[in-house]
Full PDB file with SEQRES, HELIX, SHEET, SSBOND, CRYST1, ORIGX, SCALE, CONECT and MASTER records, all heavy atoms in Angstrom:
SEQRES   1 A   40  VAL ALA VAL PRO VAL PHE ALA PHE PHE ALA ALA GLY VAL          
SEQRES   2 A   40  SER LEU SER GLY ALA GLY GLY LEU GLY ALA ALA LEU ARG          
SEQRES   3 A   40  ASP PRO VAL THR ILE GLY VAL ALA ALA GLY LEU ILE VAL          
SEQRES   4 A   40  GLY                                                          
HELIX    1 AA1 ALA A    2  ALA A   10  1                                   9    
HELIX    2 AA2 LEU A   21  ARG A   26  1                                   6    
HELIX    3 AA3 PRO A   28  ILE A   38  1                                  11    
CRYST1    1.000    1.000    1.000  90.00  90.00  90.00 P 1           1          
ORIGX1      1.000000  0.000000  0.000000        0.00000                         
ORIGX2      0.000000  1.000000  0.000000        0.00000                         
ORIGX3      0.000000  0.000000  1.000000        0.00000                         
SCALE1      1.000000  0.000000  0.000000        0.00000                         
SCALE2      0.000000  1.000000  0.000000        0.00000                         
SCALE3      0.000000  0.000000  1.000000        0.00000                         
ATOM      1  N   VAL A   1     107.205 103.869 109.520  1.00  0.00           N  
ATOM      2  CA  VAL A   1     108.401 103.640 108.711  1.00  0.00           C  
ATOM      3  C   VAL A   1     108.177 102.547 107.675  1.00  0.00           C  
ATOM      4  O   VAL A   1     108.320 102.786 106.471  1.00  0.00           O  
ATOM      5  CB  VAL A   1     109.605 103.266 109.613  1.00  0.00           C  
ATOM      6  CG1 VAL A   1     110.836 102.987 108.748  1.00  0.00           C  
ATOM      7  CG2 VAL A   1     109.902 104.379 110.607  1.00  0.00           C  
ATOM      8  N   ALA A   2     107.831 101.339 108.118  1.00  0.00           N  
ATOM      9  CA  ALA A   2     107.791 100.186 107.218  1.00  0.00           C  
ATOM     10  C   ALA A   2     106.820 100.387 106.059  1.00  0.00           C  
ATOM     11  O   ALA A   2     107.191 100.236 104.883  1.00  0.00           O  
ATOM     12  CB  ALA A   2     107.434  98.929 108.008  1.00  0.00           C  
ATOM     13  N   VAL A   3     105.581 100.723 106.375  1.00  0.00           N  
ATOM     14  CA  VAL A   3     104.566 100.859 105.317  1.00  0.00           C  
ATOM     15  C   VAL A   3     104.831 102.065 104.420  1.00  0.00           C  
ATOM     16  O   VAL A   3     104.750 101.947 103.184  1.00  0.00           O  
ATOM     17  CB  VAL A   3     103.148 100.903 105.931  1.00  0.00           C  
ATOM     18  CG1 VAL A   3     102.110 101.195 104.863  1.00  0.00           C  
ATOM     19  CG2 VAL A   3     102.834  99.577 106.621  1.00  0.00           C  
ATOM     20  N   PRO A   4     105.151 103.261 104.961  1.00  0.00           N  
ATOM     21  CA  PRO A   4     105.462 104.387 104.062  1.00  0.00           C  
ATOM     22  C   PRO A   4     106.659 104.129 103.154  1.00  0.00           C  
ATOM     23  O   PRO A   4     106.645 104.513 101.983  1.00  0.00           O  
ATOM     24  CB  PRO A   4     105.732 105.542 105.034  1.00  0.00           C  
ATOM     25  CG  PRO A   4     104.968 105.204 106.252  1.00  0.00           C  
ATOM     26  CD  PRO A   4     105.060 103.714 106.365  1.00  0.00           C  
ATOM     27  N   VAL A   5     107.715 103.477 103.677  1.00  0.00           N  
ATOM     28  CA  VAL A   5     108.879 103.188 102.833  1.00  0.00           C  
ATOM     29  C   VAL A   5     108.502 102.207 101.729  1.00  0.00           C  
ATOM     30  O   VAL A   5     108.900 102.365 100.564  1.00  0.00           O  
ATOM     31  CB  VAL A   5     110.039 102.645 103.690  1.00  0.00           C  
ATOM     32  CG1 VAL A   5     111.165 102.126 102.787  1.00  0.00           C  
ATOM     33  CG2 VAL A   5     110.576 103.740 104.604  1.00  0.00           C  
ATOM     34  N   PHE A   6     107.719 101.173 102.069  1.00  0.00           N  
ATOM     35  CA  PHE A   6     107.253 100.251 101.037  1.00  0.00           C  
ATOM     36  C   PHE A   6     106.433 101.000  99.985  1.00  0.00           C  
ATOM     37  O   PHE A   6     106.601 100.766  98.779  1.00  0.00           O  
ATOM     38  CB  PHE A   6     106.410  99.144 101.655  1.00  0.00           C  
ATOM     39  CG  PHE A   6     105.657  98.327 100.632  1.00  0.00           C  
ATOM     40  CD1 PHE A   6     106.310  97.382  99.863  1.00  0.00           C  
ATOM     41  CD2 PHE A   6     104.298  98.531 100.426  1.00  0.00           C  
ATOM     42  CE1 PHE A   6     105.634  96.646  98.904  1.00  0.00           C  
ATOM     43  CE2 PHE A   6     103.614  97.801  99.471  1.00  0.00           C  
ATOM     44  CZ  PHE A   6     104.285  96.853  98.712  1.00  0.00           C  
ATOM     45  N   ALA A   7     105.549 101.886 100.428  1.00  0.00           N  
ATOM     46  CA  ALA A   7     104.726 102.652  99.487  1.00  0.00           C  
ATOM     47  C   ALA A   7     105.592 103.514  98.576  1.00  0.00           C  
ATOM     48  O   ALA A   7     105.308 103.662  97.384  1.00  0.00           O  
ATOM     49  CB  ALA A   7     103.739 103.523 100.258  1.00  0.00           C  
ATOM     50  N   PHE A   8     106.670 104.069  99.133  1.00  0.00           N  
ATOM     51  CA  PHE A   8     107.565 104.904  98.322  1.00  0.00           C  
ATOM     52  C   PHE A   8     108.181 104.096  97.187  1.00  0.00           C  
ATOM     53  O   PHE A   8     108.285 104.569  96.057  1.00  0.00           O  
ATOM     54  CB  PHE A   8     108.660 105.497  99.213  1.00  0.00           C  
ATOM     55  CG  PHE A   8     109.720 106.234  98.448  1.00  0.00           C  
ATOM     56  CD1 PHE A   8     109.484 107.508  97.951  1.00  0.00           C  
ATOM     57  CD2 PHE A   8     110.953 105.636  98.208  1.00  0.00           C  
ATOM     58  CE1 PHE A   8     110.469 108.187  97.235  1.00  0.00           C  
ATOM     59  CE2 PHE A   8     111.941 106.304  97.494  1.00  0.00           C  
ATOM     60  CZ  PHE A   8     111.692 107.584  97.004  1.00  0.00           C  
ATOM     61  N   PHE A   9     108.591 102.862  97.462  1.00  0.00           N  
ATOM     62  CA  PHE A   9     109.220 102.045  96.429  1.00  0.00           C  
ATOM     63  C   PHE A   9     108.212 101.370  95.506  1.00  0.00           C  
ATOM     64  O   PHE A   9     108.552 101.014  94.381  1.00  0.00           O  
ATOM     65  CB  PHE A   9     110.113 100.986  97.074  1.00  0.00           C  
ATOM     66  CG  PHE A   9     111.405 101.524  97.611  1.00  0.00           C  
ATOM     67  CD1 PHE A   9     111.617 101.616  98.972  1.00  0.00           C  
ATOM     68  CD2 PHE A   9     112.402 101.961  96.758  1.00  0.00           C  
ATOM     69  CE1 PHE A   9     112.805 102.117  99.478  1.00  0.00           C  
ATOM     70  CE2 PHE A   9     113.600 102.473  97.250  1.00  0.00           C  
ATOM     71  CZ  PHE A   9     113.800 102.551  98.614  1.00  0.00           C  
ATOM     72  N   ALA A  10     106.969 101.175  95.963  1.00  0.00           N  
ATOM     73  CA  ALA A  10     105.994 100.416  95.178  1.00  0.00           C  
ATOM     74  C   ALA A  10     105.061 101.298  94.352  1.00  0.00           C  
ATOM     75  O   ALA A  10     104.539 100.842  93.333  1.00  0.00           O  
ATOM     76  CB  ALA A  10     105.152  99.532  96.097  1.00  0.00           C  
ATOM     77  N   ALA A  11     104.840 102.529  94.780  1.00  0.00           N  
ATOM     78  CA  ALA A  11     103.820 103.357  94.124  1.00  0.00           C  
ATOM     79  C   ALA A  11     104.360 104.195  92.978  1.00  0.00           C  
ATOM     80  O   ALA A  11     103.587 104.844  92.269  1.00  0.00           O  
ATOM     81  CB  ALA A  11     103.164 104.288  95.156  1.00  0.00           C  
ATOM     82  N   GLY A  12     105.667 104.166  92.767  1.00  0.00           N  
ATOM     83  CA  GLY A  12     106.254 105.031  91.741  1.00  0.00           C  
ATOM     84  C   GLY A  12     106.128 104.469  90.341  1.00  0.00           C  
ATOM     85  O   GLY A  12     107.128 104.091  89.717  1.00  0.00           O  
ATOM     86  N   VAL A  13     104.933 104.404  89.832  1.00  0.00           N  
ATOM     87  CA  VAL A  13     104.701 103.881  88.488  1.00  0.00           C  
ATOM     88  C   VAL A  13     104.851 105.012  87.473  1.00  0.00           C  
ATOM     89  O   VAL A  13     104.320 106.113  87.657  1.00  0.00           O  
ATOM     90  CB  VAL A  13     103.297 103.242  88.377  1.00  0.00           C  
ATOM     91  CG1 VAL A  13     102.209 104.223  88.778  1.00  0.00           C  
ATOM     92  CG2 VAL A  13     103.048 102.717  86.975  1.00  0.00           C  
ATOM     93  N   SER A  14     105.589 104.737  86.412  1.00  0.00           N  
ATOM     94  CA  SER A  14     105.775 105.713  85.333  1.00  0.00           C  
ATOM     95  C   SER A  14     104.680 105.526  84.293  1.00  0.00           C  
ATOM     96  O   SER A  14     104.549 104.443  83.709  1.00  0.00           O  
ATOM     97  CB  SER A  14     107.158 105.528  84.698  1.00  0.00           C  
ATOM     98  OG  SER A  14     107.280 106.326  83.544  1.00  0.00           O  
ATOM     99  N   LEU A  15     103.898 106.558  84.089  1.00  0.00           N  
ATOM    100  CA  LEU A  15     102.791 106.444  83.131  1.00  0.00           C  
ATOM    101  C   LEU A  15     103.303 106.254  81.708  1.00  0.00           C  
ATOM    102  O   LEU A  15     102.719 105.517  80.916  1.00  0.00           O  
ATOM    103  CB  LEU A  15     101.903 107.683  83.220  1.00  0.00           C  
ATOM    104  CG  LEU A  15     101.227 107.913  84.578  1.00  0.00           C  
ATOM    105  CD1 LEU A  15     100.359 109.158  84.545  1.00  0.00           C  
ATOM    106  CD2 LEU A  15     100.398 106.700  84.974  1.00  0.00           C  
ATOM    107  N   SER A  16     104.411 106.884  81.381  1.00  0.00           N  
ATOM    108  CA  SER A  16     104.971 106.696  80.043  1.00  0.00           C  
ATOM    109  C   SER A  16     105.575 105.304  79.910  1.00  0.00           C  
ATOM    110  O   SER A  16     105.475 104.655  78.874  1.00  0.00           O  
ATOM    111  CB  SER A  16     106.036 107.752  79.765  1.00  0.00           C  
ATOM    112  OG  SER A  16     107.079 107.676  80.732  1.00  0.00           O  
ATOM    113  N   GLY A  17     106.197 104.823  80.994  1.00  0.00           N  
ATOM    114  CA  GLY A  17     106.784 103.482  80.977  1.00  0.00           C  
ATOM    115  C   GLY A  17     105.734 102.402  80.875  1.00  0.00           C  
ATOM    116  O   GLY A  17     106.001 101.297  80.418  1.00  0.00           O  
ATOM    117  N   ALA A  18     104.525 102.697  81.339  1.00  0.00           N  
ATOM    118  CA  ALA A  18     103.445 101.717  81.270  1.00  0.00           C  
ATOM    119  C   ALA A  18     102.737 101.723  79.929  1.00  0.00           C  
ATOM    120  O   ALA A  18     101.684 101.120  79.764  1.00  0.00           O  
ATOM    121  CB  ALA A  18     102.435 101.987  82.384  1.00  0.00           C  
ATOM    122  N   GLY A  19     103.329 102.413  78.932  1.00  0.00           N  
ATOM    123  CA  GLY A  19     102.718 102.471  77.610  1.00  0.00           C  
ATOM    124  C   GLY A  19     101.759 103.621  77.455  1.00  0.00           C  
ATOM    125  O   GLY A  19     101.000 103.672  76.489  1.00  0.00           O  
ATOM    126  N   GLY A  20     101.783 104.547  78.405  1.00  0.00           N  
ATOM    127  CA  GLY A  20     100.866 105.669  78.366  1.00  0.00           C  
ATOM    128  C   GLY A  20      99.608 105.384  79.155  1.00  0.00           C  
ATOM    129  O   GLY A  20      99.201 104.227  79.309  1.00  0.00           O  
ATOM    130  N   LEU A  21      99.007 106.431  79.664  1.00  0.00           N  
ATOM    131  CA  LEU A  21      97.822 106.272  80.490  1.00  0.00           C  
ATOM    132  C   LEU A  21      96.670 105.656  79.707  1.00  0.00           C  
ATOM    133  O   LEU A  21      95.913 104.834  80.239  1.00  0.00           O  
ATOM    134  CB  LEU A  21      97.411 107.625  81.069  1.00  0.00           C  
ATOM    135  CG  LEU A  21      96.258 107.616  82.076  1.00  0.00           C  
ATOM    136  CD1 LEU A  21      96.607 106.729  83.268  1.00  0.00           C  
ATOM    137  CD2 LEU A  21      95.937 109.034  82.537  1.00  0.00           C  
ATOM    138  N   GLY A  22      96.527 106.025  78.434  1.00  0.00           N  
ATOM    139  CA  GLY A  22      95.436 105.480  77.632  1.00  0.00           C  
ATOM    140  C   GLY A  22      95.531 103.971  77.485  1.00  0.00           C  
ATOM    141  O   GLY A  22      94.541 103.249  77.643  1.00  0.00           O  
ATOM    142  N   ALA A  23      96.741 103.482  77.197  1.00  0.00           N  
ATOM    143  CA  ALA A  23      96.929 102.033  77.058  1.00  0.00           C  
ATOM    144  C   ALA A  23      96.679 101.316  78.375  1.00  0.00           C  
ATOM    145  O   ALA A  23      96.091 100.224  78.401  1.00  0.00           O  
ATOM    146  CB  ALA A  23      98.343 101.742  76.557  1.00  0.00           C  
ATOM    147  N   ALA A  24      97.114 101.932  79.484  1.00  0.00           N  
ATOM    148  CA  ALA A  24      96.908 101.313  80.793  1.00  0.00           C  
ATOM    149  C   ALA A  24      95.430 101.223  81.131  1.00  0.00           C  
ATOM    150  O   ALA A  24      94.963 100.208  81.668  1.00  0.00           O  
ATOM    151  CB  ALA A  24      97.642 102.109  81.867  1.00  0.00           C  
ATOM    152  N   LEU A  25      94.679 102.262  80.828  1.00  0.00           N  
ATOM    153  CA  LEU A  25      93.258 102.274  81.161  1.00  0.00           C  
ATOM    154  C   LEU A  25      92.450 101.307  80.302  1.00  0.00           C  
ATOM    155  O   LEU A  25      91.349 100.923  80.683  1.00  0.00           O  
ATOM    156  CB  LEU A  25      92.699 103.692  81.006  1.00  0.00           C  
ATOM    157  CG  LEU A  25      93.248 104.739  81.986  1.00  0.00           C  
ATOM    158  CD1 LEU A  25      92.636 106.100  81.727  1.00  0.00           C  
ATOM    159  CD2 LEU A  25      93.009 104.313  83.426  1.00  0.00           C  
ATOM    160  N   ARG A  26      92.985 100.907  79.157  1.00  0.00           N  
ATOM    161  CA  ARG A  26      92.292  99.925  78.306  1.00  0.00           C  
ATOM    162  C   ARG A  26      92.662  98.495  78.653  1.00  0.00           C  
ATOM    163  O   ARG A  26      92.022  97.558  78.187  1.00  0.00           O  
ATOM    164  CB  ARG A  26      92.614 100.193  76.829  1.00  0.00           C  
ATOM    165  CG  ARG A  26      92.016 101.474  76.282  1.00  0.00           C  
ATOM    166  CD  ARG A  26      92.150 101.527  74.762  1.00  0.00           C  
ATOM    167  NE  ARG A  26      93.557 101.539  74.339  1.00  0.00           N  
ATOM    168  CZ  ARG A  26      94.273 102.643  74.164  1.00  0.00           C  
ATOM    169  NH1 ARG A  26      93.723 103.834  74.394  1.00  0.00           N  
ATOM    170  NH2 ARG A  26      95.530 102.571  73.770  1.00  0.00           N  
ATOM    171  N   ASP A  27      93.692  98.305  79.464  1.00  0.00           N  
ATOM    172  CA  ASP A  27      94.144  96.968  79.828  1.00  0.00           C  
ATOM    173  C   ASP A  27      93.123  96.331  80.776  1.00  0.00           C  
ATOM    174  O   ASP A  27      92.719  96.939  81.766  1.00  0.00           O  
ATOM    175  CB  ASP A  27      95.508  97.058  80.517  1.00  0.00           C  
ATOM    176  CG  ASP A  27      96.168  95.692  80.690  1.00  0.00           C  
ATOM    177  OD1 ASP A  27      95.435  94.694  80.860  1.00  0.00           O  
ATOM    178  OD2 ASP A  27      97.397  95.633  80.660  1.00  0.00           O  
ATOM    179  N   PRO A  28      92.690  95.100  80.501  1.00  0.00           N  
ATOM    180  CA  PRO A  28      91.732  94.436  81.400  1.00  0.00           C  
ATOM    181  C   PRO A  28      92.262  94.260  82.820  1.00  0.00           C  
ATOM    182  O   PRO A  28      91.462  94.168  83.757  1.00  0.00           O  
ATOM    183  CB  PRO A  28      91.474  93.083  80.730  1.00  0.00           C  
ATOM    184  CG  PRO A  28      92.591  92.892  79.756  1.00  0.00           C  
ATOM    185  CD  PRO A  28      92.995  94.268  79.323  1.00  0.00           C  
ATOM    186  N   VAL A  29      93.579  94.198  82.992  1.00  0.00           N  
ATOM    187  CA  VAL A  29      94.140  94.115  84.344  1.00  0.00           C  
ATOM    188  C   VAL A  29      93.801  95.388  85.119  1.00  0.00           C  
ATOM    189  O   VAL A  29      93.330  95.333  86.267  1.00  0.00           O  
ATOM    190  CB  VAL A  29      95.666  93.893  84.295  1.00  0.00           C  
ATOM    191  CG1 VAL A  29      96.286  94.110  85.678  1.00  0.00           C  
ATOM    192  CG2 VAL A  29      95.980  92.496  83.794  1.00  0.00           C  
ATOM    193  N   THR A  30      94.038  96.544  84.501  1.00  0.00           N  
ATOM    194  CA  THR A  30      93.712  97.822  85.149  1.00  0.00           C  
ATOM    195  C   THR A  30      92.218  97.918  85.430  1.00  0.00           C  
ATOM    196  O   THR A  30      91.806  98.299  86.535  1.00  0.00           O  
ATOM    197  CB  THR A  30      94.144  99.003  84.255  1.00  0.00           C  
ATOM    198  OG1 THR A  30      95.507  98.833  83.875  1.00  0.00           O  
ATOM    199  CG2 THR A  30      93.974 100.320  84.975  1.00  0.00           C  
ATOM    200  N   ILE A  31      91.414  97.580  84.427  1.00  0.00           N  
ATOM    201  CA  ILE A  31      89.956  97.678  84.577  1.00  0.00           C  
ATOM    202  C   ILE A  31      89.469  96.714  85.663  1.00  0.00           C  
ATOM    203  O   ILE A  31      88.638  97.081  86.508  1.00  0.00           O  
ATOM    204  CB  ILE A  31      89.261  97.361  83.235  1.00  0.00           C  
ATOM    205  CG1 ILE A  31      89.667  98.394  82.174  1.00  0.00           C  
ATOM    206  CG2 ILE A  31      87.746  97.327  83.403  1.00  0.00           C  
ATOM    207  CD1 ILE A  31      89.209  98.048  80.775  1.00  0.00           C  
ATOM    208  N   GLY A  32      89.975  95.480  85.660  1.00  0.00           N  
ATOM    209  CA  GLY A  32      89.539  94.498  86.650  1.00  0.00           C  
ATOM    210  C   GLY A  32      89.905  94.896  88.060  1.00  0.00           C  
ATOM    211  O   GLY A  32      89.091  94.748  88.986  1.00  0.00           O  
ATOM    212  N   VAL A  33      91.121  95.424  88.254  1.00  0.00           N  
ATOM    213  CA  VAL A  33      91.544  95.849  89.589  1.00  0.00           C  
ATOM    214  C   VAL A  33      90.700  97.018  90.069  1.00  0.00           C  
ATOM    215  O   VAL A  33      90.196  97.030  91.205  1.00  0.00           O  
ATOM    216  CB  VAL A  33      93.045  96.214  89.583  1.00  0.00           C  
ATOM    217  CG1 VAL A  33      93.432  96.904  90.891  1.00  0.00           C  
ATOM    218  CG2 VAL A  33      93.902  94.972  89.387  1.00  0.00           C  
ATOM    219  N   ALA A  34      90.553  98.039  89.214  1.00  0.00           N  
ATOM    220  CA  ALA A  34      89.781  99.224  89.610  1.00  0.00           C  
ATOM    221  C   ALA A  34      88.322  98.871  89.877  1.00  0.00           C  
ATOM    222  O   ALA A  34      87.737  99.314  90.876  1.00  0.00           O  
ATOM    223  CB  ALA A  34      89.886 100.292  88.526  1.00  0.00           C  
ATOM    224  N   ALA A  35      87.717  98.072  88.988  1.00  0.00           N  
ATOM    225  CA  ALA A  35      86.315  97.684  89.179  1.00  0.00           C  
ATOM    226  C   ALA A  35      86.153  96.831  90.433  1.00  0.00           C  
ATOM    227  O   ALA A  35      85.152  96.955  91.162  1.00  0.00           O  
ATOM    228  CB  ALA A  35      85.808  96.929  87.953  1.00  0.00           C  
ATOM    229  N   GLY A  36      87.133  95.975  90.706  1.00  0.00           N  
ATOM    230  CA  GLY A  36      87.067  95.161  91.914  1.00  0.00           C  
ATOM    231  C   GLY A  36      87.076  96.003  93.173  1.00  0.00           C  
ATOM    232  O   GLY A  36      86.316  95.746  94.116  1.00  0.00           O  
ATOM    233  N   LEU A  37      87.931  97.025  93.207  1.00  0.00           N  
ATOM    234  CA  LEU A  37      88.016  97.887  94.384  1.00  0.00           C  
ATOM    235  C   LEU A  37      86.787  98.777  94.529  1.00  0.00           C  
ATOM    236  O   LEU A  37      86.252  98.935  95.633  1.00  0.00           O  
ATOM    237  CB  LEU A  37      89.280  98.749  94.305  1.00  0.00           C  
ATOM    238  CG  LEU A  37      90.616  98.024  94.474  1.00  0.00           C  
ATOM    239  CD1 LEU A  37      91.778  98.970  94.189  1.00  0.00           C  
ATOM    240  CD2 LEU A  37      90.747  97.437  95.874  1.00  0.00           C  
ATOM    241  N   ILE A  38      86.339  99.361  93.435  1.00  0.00           N  
ATOM    242  CA  ILE A  38      85.240 100.332  93.517  1.00  0.00           C  
ATOM    243  C   ILE A  38      83.891  99.632  93.666  1.00  0.00           C  
ATOM    244  O   ILE A  38      83.104  99.945  94.571  1.00  0.00           O  
ATOM    245  CB  ILE A  38      85.226 101.229  92.258  1.00  0.00           C  
ATOM    246  CG1 ILE A  38      86.544 101.999  92.136  1.00  0.00           C  
ATOM    247  CG2 ILE A  38      84.049 102.209  92.320  1.00  0.00           C  
ATOM    248  CD1 ILE A  38      86.726 102.674  90.792  1.00  0.00           C  
ATOM    249  N   VAL A  39      83.622  98.676  92.799  1.00  0.00           N  
ATOM    250  CA  VAL A  39      82.316  98.010  92.785  1.00  0.00           C  
ATOM    251  C   VAL A  39      82.324  96.756  93.659  1.00  0.00           C  
ATOM    252  O   VAL A  39      81.422  96.533  94.471  1.00  0.00           O  
ATOM    253  CB  VAL A  39      81.895  97.657  91.338  1.00  0.00           C  
ATOM    254  CG1 VAL A  39      80.542  96.969  91.339  1.00  0.00           C  
ATOM    255  CG2 VAL A  39      81.880  98.899  90.469  1.00  0.00           C  
ATOM    256  N   GLY A  40      83.368  95.922  93.471  1.00  0.00           N  
ATOM    257  CA  GLY A  40      83.396  94.642  94.165  1.00  0.00           C  
ATOM    258  C   GLY A  40      83.414  94.759  95.672  1.00  0.00           C  
ATOM    259  O   GLY A  40      82.656  94.075  96.373  1.00  0.00           O  
TER     260      GLY A  40                                                      
MASTER        0    0    0    3    0    0    0    6  259    1    0    4          
END                                                                             
């Protein structure tokens, strides 16, 4: 219950609201987080 409900409220990111997927993928925050998880 607790973790799935939190995920439901936290994971609903709007790609258009984030400035579009292209803008998000160019943001160093996105790149740093993804690179940290995959490589780091």
